[in-house]
Amino acid sequence: MKLENTNQSFFDKVYELVRLIPAGKVTTYGDIAEFIGSKGSARMVGWAMNASHSVFPPVPAHRVVNRNGLLTGKMHFQTPDLMQKLLEAEGLMIVEDRIINFKEKHWIPVKEIKY
């Protein structure tokens, strides 16, 4: 994966990375920001996820959660429970908007992607 393409926008870099998150795993806004070289820009990653619902190819935005494993972006999906339903369909368990066993399901790009 080459995210150093200067012609890519911040959002495009985010989308490229989010498409690599394996089904059944989640990552955080901060993990994404750090990997693409914008540590401290977790909120901007959230804006990218909010804008991703009409992007092609599709972006699995449901796999991006906050640093505590909370589904903080759920209100930006078509229905308030869609994010949870998509994650549960991939085998994750969620209780009160929190991913159960978050540490085991947490995919950390800087540890998982070698380039």
C-alpha atoms as a PDB file:
ATOM      1  CA  MET A   1       0.000   0.000   0.000  1.00  0.00           C
ATOM      2  CA  LYS A   2       1.367   3.366  -0.943  1.00  0.00           C
ATOM      3  CA  LEU A   3      -0.272   6.240   0.847  1.00  0.00           C
ATOM      4  CA  GLU A   4       2.465   8.731   0.085  1.00  0.00           C
ATOM      5  CA  ASN A   5       0.930   9.726  -3.255  1.00  0.00           C
ATOM      6  CA  THR A   6       0.830  13.504  -2.988  1.00  0.00           C
ATOM      7  CA  ASN A   7      -2.020  13.634  -5.483  1.00  0.00           C
ATOM      8  CA  GLN A   8      -4.314  11.796  -3.066  1.00  0.00           C
ATOM      9  CA  SER A   9      -6.548  13.859  -0.828  1.00  0.00           C
ATOM     10  CA  PHE A  10      -6.695  13.200   2.896  1.00  0.00           C
ATOM     11  CA  PHE A  11     -10.117  11.584   2.461  1.00  0.00           C
ATOM     12  CA  ASP A  12      -8.855   9.331  -0.352  1.00  0.00           C
ATOM     13  CA  LYS A  13      -5.983   8.116   1.832  1.00  0.00           C
ATOM     14  CA  VAL A  14      -8.455   7.373   4.624  1.00  0.00           C
ATOM     15  CA  TYR A  15     -10.770   5.480   2.260  1.00  0.00           C
ATOM     16  CA  GLU A  16      -7.921   3.433   0.809  1.00  0.00           C
ATOM     17  CA  LEU A  17      -6.852   2.360   4.289  1.00  0.00           C
ATOM     18  CA  VAL A  18     -10.366   1.659   5.593  1.00  0.00           C
ATOM     19  CA  ARG A  19     -10.973  -0.660   2.636  1.00  0.00           C
ATOM     20  CA  LEU A  20      -8.115  -2.822   3.994  1.00  0.00           C
ATOM     21  CA  ILE A  21      -9.715  -3.435   7.399  1.00  0.00           C
ATOM     22  CA  PRO A  22     -10.598  -7.141   7.449  1.00  0.00           C
ATOM     23  CA  ALA A  23     -14.193  -8.172   8.045  1.00  0.00           C
ATOM     24  CA  GLY A  24     -14.699  -8.911  11.738  1.00  0.00           C
ATOM     25  CA  LYS A  25     -12.097  -6.341  12.782  1.00  0.00           C
ATOM     26  CA  VAL A  26     -12.277  -2.647  13.636  1.00  0.00           C
ATOM     27  CA  THR A  27      -9.821   0.195  13.865  1.00  0.00           C
ATOM     28  CA  THR A  28      -9.974   3.665  15.352  1.00  0.00           C
ATOM     29  CA  TYR A  29     -10.077   7.143  13.921  1.00  0.00           C
ATOM     30  CA  GLY A  30      -6.742   7.840  15.594  1.00  0.00           C
ATOM     31  CA  ASP A  31      -5.116   4.682  14.219  1.00  0.00           C
ATOM     32  CA  ILE A  32      -6.068   5.751  10.709  1.00  0.00           C
ATOM     33  CA  ALA A  33      -4.797   9.302  11.209  1.00  0.00           C
ATOM     34  CA  GLU A  34      -1.490   8.031  12.555  1.00  0.00           C
ATOM     35  CA  PHE A  35      -0.973   5.560   9.717  1.00  0.00           C
ATOM     36  CA  ILE A  36      -1.543   8.115   6.978  1.00  0.00           C
ATOM     37  CA  GLY A  37       0.891  10.529   8.630  1.00  0.00           C
ATOM     38  CA  SER A  38      -1.618  12.896  10.239  1.00  0.00           C
ATOM     39  CA  LYS A  39      -1.424  11.925  13.886  1.00  0.00           C
ATOM     40  CA  GLY A  40      -3.807  14.111  15.852  1.00  0.00           C
ATOM     41  CA  SER A  41      -6.342  14.292  13.026  1.00  0.00           C
ATOM     42  CA  ALA A  42      -8.798  11.690  14.314  1.00  0.00           C
ATOM     43  CA  ARG A  43     -11.687  14.139  14.039  1.00  0.00           C
ATOM     44  CA  MET A  44     -10.895  14.751  10.370  1.00  0.00           C
ATOM     45  CA  VAL A  45     -10.948  10.968   9.830  1.00  0.00           C
ATOM     46  CA  GLY A  46     -14.435  11.057  11.342  1.00  0.00           C
ATOM     47  CA  TRP A  47     -15.468  13.687   8.799  1.00  0.00           C
ATOM     48  CA  ALA A  48     -14.122  11.442   6.045  1.00  0.00           C
ATOM     49  CA  MET A  49     -16.159   8.524   7.374  1.00  0.00           C
ATOM     50  CA  ASN A  50     -19.276  10.702   7.472  1.00  0.00           C
ATOM     51  CA  ALA A  51     -18.716  11.620   3.814  1.00  0.00           C
ATOM     52  CA  SER A  52     -17.902   8.060   2.729  1.00  0.00           C
ATOM     53  CA  HIS A  53     -21.388   6.628   2.359  1.00  0.00           C
ATOM     54  CA  SER A  54     -21.699   7.609  -1.307  1.00  0.00           C
ATOM     55  CA  VAL A  55     -18.104   6.830  -2.315  1.00  0.00           C
ATOM     56  CA  PHE A  56     -17.271   4.140  -4.863  1.00  0.00           C
ATOM     57  CA  PRO A  57     -15.832   1.634  -4.394  1.00  0.00           C
ATOM     58  CA  PRO A  58     -17.673   1.313  -1.088  1.00  0.00           C
ATOM     59  CA  VAL A  59     -15.894   2.155   2.163  1.00  0.00           C
ATOM     60  CA  PRO A  60     -16.662  -0.109   5.158  1.00  0.00           C
ATOM     61  CA  ALA A  61     -17.073   2.870   7.499  1.00  0.00           C
ATOM     62  CA  HIS A  62     -18.811   0.644  10.046  1.00  0.00           C
ATOM     63  CA  ARG A  63     -15.380  -0.806  10.904  1.00  0.00           C
ATOM     64  CA  VAL A  64     -14.131   2.505  12.319  1.00  0.00           C
ATOM     65  CA  VAL A  65     -14.848   3.203  15.984  1.00  0.00           C
ATOM     66  CA  ASN A  66     -13.494   5.438  18.699  1.00  0.00           C
ATOM     67  CA  ARG A  67     -10.431   4.571  20.799  1.00  0.00           C
ATOM     68  CA  ASN A  68     -12.619   2.848  23.404  1.00  0.00           C
ATOM     69  CA  GLY A  69     -14.448   0.633  20.928  1.00  0.00           C
ATOM     70  CA  LEU A  70     -17.592   2.746  20.962  1.00  0.00           C
ATOM     71  CA  LEU A  71     -19.807   3.139  17.893  1.00  0.00           C
ATOM     72  CA  THR A  72     -19.630   6.931  18.011  1.00  0.00           C
ATOM     73  CA  GLY A  73     -20.291   7.293  14.279  1.00  0.00           C
ATOM     74  CA  LYS A  74     -23.539   5.327  14.285  1.00  0.00           C
ATOM     75  CA  MET A  75     -25.714   8.424  13.844  1.00  0.00           C
ATOM     76  CA  HIS A  76     -24.183   8.995  10.411  1.00  0.00           C
ATOM     77  CA  PHE A  77     -25.577   5.766   8.958  1.00  0.00           C
ATOM     78  CA  GLN A  78     -28.970   5.458   7.238  1.00  0.00           C
ATOM     79  CA  THR A  79     -30.503   4.192  10.470  1.00  0.00           C
ATOM     80  CA  PRO A  80     -29.158   4.471  14.030  1.00  0.00           C
ATOM     81  CA  ASP A  81     -28.710   0.695  14.320  1.00  0.00           C
ATOM     82  CA  LEU A  82     -27.191  -0.013  10.885  1.00  0.00           C
ATOM     83  CA  MET A  83     -23.560   0.268  12.025  1.00  0.00           C
ATOM     84  CA  GLN A  84     -24.179  -2.258  14.795  1.00  0.00           C
ATOM     85  CA  LYS A  85     -26.051  -4.615  12.464  1.00  0.00           C
ATOM     86  CA  LEU A  86     -23.204  -4.544   9.924  1.00  0.00           C
ATOM     87  CA  LEU A  87     -20.624  -5.320  12.620  1.00  0.00           C
ATOM     88  CA  GLU A  88     -22.759  -8.087  14.105  1.00  0.00           C
ATOM     89  CA  ALA A  89     -23.130  -9.611  10.633  1.00  0.00           C
ATOM     90  CA  GLU A  90     -19.316  -9.859  10.628  1.00  0.00           C
ATOM     91  CA  GLY A  91     -19.307 -11.692  13.955  1.00  0.00           C
ATOM     92  CA  LEU A  92     -18.678  -8.850  16.397  1.00  0.00           C
ATOM     93  CA  MET A  93     -20.688  -8.527  19.588  1.00  0.00           C
ATOM     94  CA  ILE A  94     -21.883  -5.108  20.675  1.00  0.00           C
ATOM     95  CA  VAL A  95     -23.486  -4.162  23.977  1.00  0.00           C
ATOM     96  CA  GLU A  96     -24.618  -0.595  24.659  1.00  0.00           C
ATOM     97  CA  ASP A  97     -22.762   0.671  21.571  1.00  0.00           C
ATOM     98  CA  ARG A  98     -19.448  -0.884  22.729  1.00  0.00           C
ATOM     99  CA  ILE A  99     -17.578  -3.678  21.004  1.00  0.00           C
ATOM    100  CA  ILE A 100     -17.126  -6.670  23.284  1.00  0.00           C
ATOM    101  CA  ASN A 101     -13.493  -7.884  23.361  1.00  0.00           C
ATOM    102  CA  PHE A 102     -12.396  -4.710  21.605  1.00  0.00           C
ATOM    103  CA  LYS A 103      -8.690  -5.409  22.149  1.00  0.00           C
ATOM    104  CA  GLU A 104      -9.019  -8.734  20.320  1.00  0.00           C
ATOM    105  CA  LYS A 105     -10.955  -7.176  17.428  1.00  0.00           C
ATOM    106  CA  HIS A 106      -8.753  -4.073  17.164  1.00  0.00           C
ATOM    107  CA  TRP A 107      -6.859  -3.954  13.863  1.00  0.00           C
ATOM    108  CA  ILE A 108      -3.918  -1.548  14.139  1.00  0.00           C
ATOM    109  CA  PRO A 109      -2.638  -0.541  10.685  1.00  0.00           C
ATOM    110  CA  VAL A 110       0.903   0.384  11.781  1.00  0.00           C
ATOM    111  CA  LYS A 111       1.287  -3.165  13.142  1.00  0.00           C
ATOM    112  CA  GLU A 112      -0.616  -5.009  10.392  1.00  0.00           C
ATOM    113  CA  ILE A 113       0.530  -3.333   7.179  1.00  0.00           C
ATOM    114  CA  LYS A 114       4.056  -3.749   5.979  1.00  0.00           C
ATOM    115  CA  TYR A 115       5.145  -1.624   3.062  1.00  0.00           C
END
